Amino acid sequence: MAQVFPTKANLMATQKSLDLAKLGYELMDRKRNILVREMMQLISEAKEVEANINAVYDKAYSSLKLANITLGVCGNFARTIPVDNGLSLDFRSVMGVEIPKISLESSKLMPYFGFNSTNSHLDEAYINFNEAKKMTVKLAETEASIYRLADAVKKTQKRANALNNIMIPQFTGTIKYISEALEEKEREDFTRLKAVKNQKEEKKREAK
């Protein structure tokens, strides 16, 4: 504890600092709870996507494999499909934490290759990979958000712990020290004044 002069002004200032530290802790704790709740919701969403995404990719690659077997290597067909530029990145704020929001512009599936030169396996691969793309975007957004929220929770918890375990006890101890010192001073002043009063009364009696 830093040396503090035991004055009423310092007592009031320290009490104000303690009140602010307690308020800060309450706000940090509330923020942490909200961030944790948001993070747990996203973890649940991520688990749901993860539970399905492997099956979608397996289905897509299985269709592509059958297409390659029945049609030969499908690289030429793949080159007829234009590059997808439908991704856009934005952010939303959760208790001051910026988390990503990835948007995938939903484009209508078009038959970019002729029906006579392909078969249903290639069509299925095209549809399944498009679905896998959507799920991958969702999973990337969710996992990035979870990472940012987890980092924010860690920092918020660290600040809350510093307030609760260091600052608040320090201010409480300082208030106790100043209060006890002021009480002791008041007792000493009272004793001294009483002694002075007794001396005056004694002198009055002697003067009679």
Protein backbone atom coordinates (compact mmCIF):
# COMPACT_ATOMS: atom_id res chain seq x y z
CA MET A 1 0.00 0.00 0.00
CA ALA A 2 1.37 3.41 -0.96
CA GLN A 3 1.83 5.82 1.91
CA VAL A 4 -1.24 8.05 2.18
CA PHE A 5 -1.64 10.90 4.62
CA PRO A 6 -4.64 10.17 6.88
CA THR A 7 -6.79 13.19 6.08
CA LYS A 8 -10.53 13.48 5.52
CA ALA A 9 -9.88 14.71 1.97
CA ASN A 10 -7.83 11.59 1.19
CA LEU A 11 -10.52 9.44 2.81
CA MET A 12 -13.20 10.93 0.55
CA ALA A 13 -10.98 10.63 -2.54
CA THR A 14 -10.15 6.99 -1.79
CA GLN A 15 -13.82 6.17 -1.14
CA LYS A 16 -14.67 7.67 -4.53
CA SER A 17 -11.92 5.59 -6.17
CA LEU A 18 -13.29 2.48 -4.46
CA ASP A 19 -16.81 3.20 -5.70
CA LEU A 20 -15.50 3.64 -9.25
CA ALA A 21 -13.47 0.42 -9.02
CA LYS A 22 -16.55 -1.51 -7.85
CA LEU A 23 -18.62 -0.04 -10.67
CA GLY A 24 -15.87 -0.89 -13.14
CA TYR A 25 -15.79 -4.47 -11.89
CA GLU A 26 -19.57 -4.81 -12.25
CA LEU A 27 -19.40 -3.49 -15.82
CA MET A 28 -16.47 -5.77 -16.71
CA ASP A 29 -18.26 -8.77 -15.22
CA ARG A 30 -21.47 -7.93 -17.10
CA LYS A 31 -19.52 -7.50 -20.35
CA ARG A 32 -17.75 -10.82 -19.82
CA ASN A 33 -21.06 -12.63 -19.24
CA ILE A 34 -22.57 -11.18 -22.42
CA LEU A 35 -19.47 -12.08 -24.46
CA VAL A 36 -19.42 -15.62 -23.06
CA ARG A 37 -23.12 -16.06 -23.85
CA GLU A 38 -22.56 -14.86 -27.43
CA MET A 39 -19.50 -17.09 -27.79
CA MET A 40 -21.34 -20.19 -26.53
CA GLN A 41 -24.13 -19.54 -29.03
CA LEU A 42 -21.58 -19.35 -31.86
CA ILE A 43 -19.81 -22.49 -30.63
CA SER A 44 -23.14 -24.30 -30.82
CA GLU A 45 -23.64 -23.03 -34.38
CA ALA A 46 -20.10 -24.06 -35.35
CA LYS A 47 -20.65 -27.58 -34.01
CA GLU A 48 -23.83 -27.87 -36.05
CA VAL A 49 -22.03 -26.79 -39.24
CA GLU A 50 -19.05 -29.06 -38.50
CA ALA A 51 -21.41 -31.99 -37.99
CA ASN A 52 -22.67 -31.62 -41.57
CA ILE A 53 -19.87 -30.06 -43.58
CA ASN A 54 -17.72 -33.20 -43.86
CA ALA A 55 -20.67 -35.18 -45.18
CA VAL A 56 -21.38 -32.47 -47.77
CA TYR A 57 -17.74 -32.44 -48.93
CA ASP A 58 -17.67 -36.24 -49.03
CA LYS A 59 -20.81 -36.21 -51.15
CA ALA A 60 -19.37 -33.54 -53.45
CA TYR A 61 -16.05 -35.36 -53.96
CA SER A 62 -17.87 -38.66 -54.45
CA SER A 63 -19.97 -37.08 -57.22
CA LEU A 64 -16.86 -35.53 -58.77
CA LYS A 65 -15.07 -38.87 -58.64
CA LEU A 66 -17.94 -40.57 -60.45
CA ALA A 67 -18.02 -37.73 -62.98
CA ASN A 68 -14.28 -38.16 -63.62
CA ILE A 69 -14.75 -41.90 -64.04
CA THR A 70 -17.65 -41.59 -66.46
CA LEU A 71 -16.59 -38.44 -68.32
CA GLY A 72 -12.83 -38.37 -67.91
CA VAL A 73 -11.03 -35.55 -66.10
CA CYS A 74 -13.54 -32.71 -65.75
CA GLY A 75 -11.06 -29.82 -65.77
CA ASN A 76 -12.40 -28.44 -69.04
CA PHE A 77 -15.93 -28.33 -67.63
CA ALA A 78 -14.69 -26.60 -64.47
CA ARG A 79 -13.09 -23.85 -66.54
CA THR A 80 -16.48 -22.94 -68.00
CA ILE A 81 -17.72 -21.90 -64.53
CA PRO A 82 -16.86 -18.24 -63.78
CA VAL A 83 -14.90 -17.25 -60.67
CA ASP A 84 -17.24 -16.48 -57.78
CA ASN A 85 -16.74 -12.91 -56.55
CA GLY A 86 -19.85 -12.87 -54.38
CA LEU A 87 -18.05 -12.68 -51.02
CA SER A 88 -18.21 -9.50 -48.95
CA LEU A 89 -16.86 -8.80 -45.47
CA ASP A 90 -18.49 -6.59 -42.87
CA PHE A 91 -18.35 -6.36 -39.07
CA ARG A 92 -20.84 -6.17 -36.24
CA SER A 93 -20.16 -5.04 -32.70
CA VAL A 94 -20.86 -7.08 -29.58
CA MET A 95 -20.05 -5.06 -26.45
CA GLY A 96 -17.39 -3.17 -28.39
CA VAL A 97 -15.88 -6.32 -29.95
CA GLU A 98 -15.85 -6.23 -33.74
CA ILE A 99 -16.69 -9.65 -35.12
CA PRO A 100 -16.81 -10.51 -38.83
CA LYS A 101 -19.93 -10.97 -40.88
CA ILE A 102 -19.21 -12.68 -44.20
CA SER A 103 -21.90 -12.44 -46.84
CA LEU A 104 -22.08 -14.75 -49.83
CA GLU A 105 -24.24 -13.40 -52.60
CA SER A 106 -26.62 -16.18 -53.52
CA SER A 107 -26.33 -16.69 -57.25
CA LYS A 108 -28.65 -18.87 -59.27
CA LEU A 109 -27.07 -22.15 -60.30
CA MET A 110 -26.60 -22.04 -64.04
CA PRO A 111 -25.84 -24.90 -66.45
CA TYR A 112 -22.48 -23.64 -67.69
CA PHE A 113 -21.82 -26.86 -69.60
CA GLY A 114 -23.91 -28.68 -72.19
CA PHE A 115 -26.26 -31.43 -71.09
CA ASN A 116 -25.28 -33.67 -73.99
CA SER A 117 -21.60 -33.68 -72.99
CA THR A 118 -22.10 -34.31 -69.24
CA ASN A 119 -24.17 -36.45 -66.92
CA SER A 120 -25.96 -36.28 -63.57
CA HIS A 121 -22.77 -37.00 -61.60
CA LEU A 122 -21.19 -33.72 -62.73
CA ASP A 123 -24.42 -31.85 -62.03
CA GLU A 124 -24.52 -33.32 -58.53
CA ALA A 125 -20.87 -32.41 -57.93
CA TYR A 126 -21.58 -28.83 -59.02
CA ILE A 127 -24.61 -28.55 -56.71
CA ASN A 128 -22.86 -30.24 -53.76
CA PHE A 129 -19.71 -28.11 -54.02
CA ASN A 130 -21.88 -25.01 -54.13
CA GLU A 131 -23.53 -26.12 -50.88
CA ALA A 132 -20.11 -26.91 -49.38
CA LYS A 133 -18.97 -23.40 -50.30
CA LYS A 134 -21.88 -21.86 -48.38
CA MET A 135 -21.17 -23.99 -45.33
CA THR A 136 -17.44 -23.18 -45.48
CA VAL A 137 -18.20 -19.45 -45.50
CA LYS A 138 -20.53 -19.88 -42.51
CA LEU A 139 -17.96 -21.92 -40.61
CA ALA A 140 -15.17 -19.43 -41.35
CA GLU A 141 -17.32 -16.53 -40.12
CA THR A 142 -18.33 -18.41 -36.98
CA GLU A 143 -14.83 -19.62 -36.06
CA ALA A 144 -13.30 -16.17 -36.62
CA SER A 145 -16.01 -14.65 -34.42
CA ILE A 146 -15.40 -17.23 -31.69
CA TYR A 147 -11.65 -16.49 -31.74
CA ARG A 148 -12.24 -12.74 -31.37
CA LEU A 149 -14.80 -13.20 -28.61
CA ALA A 150 -12.56 -15.63 -26.72
CA ASP A 151 -9.71 -13.11 -26.87
CA ALA A 152 -12.02 -10.35 -25.63
CA VAL A 153 -13.32 -12.57 -22.80
CA LYS A 154 -9.74 -13.27 -21.71
CA LYS A 155 -8.83 -9.57 -21.66
CA THR A 156 -12.07 -8.59 -19.92
CA GLN A 157 -11.58 -11.29 -17.28
CA LYS A 158 -8.01 -10.09 -16.69
CA ARG A 159 -9.21 -6.51 -16.11
CA ALA A 160 -12.04 -7.67 -13.85
CA ASN A 161 -9.60 -9.77 -11.81
CA ALA A 162 -7.23 -6.81 -11.47
CA LEU A 163 -10.06 -4.68 -10.11
CA ASN A 164 -11.50 -7.35 -7.82
CA ASN A 165 -8.25 -8.85 -6.51
CA ILE A 166 -5.90 -5.84 -6.49
CA MET A 167 -7.49 -2.41 -6.79
CA ILE A 168 -10.60 -2.93 -4.65
CA PRO A 169 -8.67 -4.59 -1.76
CA GLN A 170 -6.05 -1.82 -1.94
CA PHE A 171 -8.64 0.95 -1.74
CA THR A 172 -10.48 -0.91 1.03
CA GLY A 173 -7.26 -1.26 3.01
CA THR A 174 -6.40 2.41 2.50
CA ILE A 175 -9.84 3.48 3.72
CA LYS A 176 -9.45 1.27 6.81
CA TYR A 177 -6.00 2.74 7.52
CA ILE A 178 -7.16 6.37 7.12
CA SER A 179 -10.35 5.80 9.14
CA GLU A 180 -8.45 4.20 12.01
CA ALA A 181 -5.81 6.95 11.94
CA LEU A 182 -8.49 9.67 12.02
CA GLU A 183 -10.33 7.93 14.86
CA GLU A 184 -7.09 7.68 16.83
CA LYS A 185 -6.39 11.36 16.21
CA GLU A 186 -9.90 12.26 17.40
CA ARG A 187 -9.38 10.25 20.58
CA GLU A 188 -6.04 11.95 21.18
CA ASP A 189 -7.58 15.39 20.56
CA PHE A 190 -10.45 14.58 22.90
CA THR A 191 -8.07 13.40 25.61
CA ARG A 192 -5.90 16.49 25.20
CA LEU A 193 -8.88 18.86 25.30
CA LYS A 194 -10.21 17.10 28.37
CA ALA A 195 -6.84 17.44 30.07
CA VAL A 196 -6.70 21.15 29.23
CA LYS A 197 -10.23 21.61 30.56
CA ASN A 198 -9.35 19.80 33.78
CA GLN A 199 -6.26 21.98 34.21
CA LYS A 200 -8.33 25.14 33.78
CA GLU A 201 -10.91 23.94 36.29
CA GLU A 202 -8.15 23.05 38.73
CA LYS A 203 -6.62 26.52 38.42
CA LYS A 204 -10.04 28.09 39.00
CA ARG A 205 -10.49 26.08 42.19
CA GLU A 206 -7.01 27.04 43.39
CA ALA A 207 -7.70 30.72 42.69
CA LYS A 208 -10.74 30.77 45.00
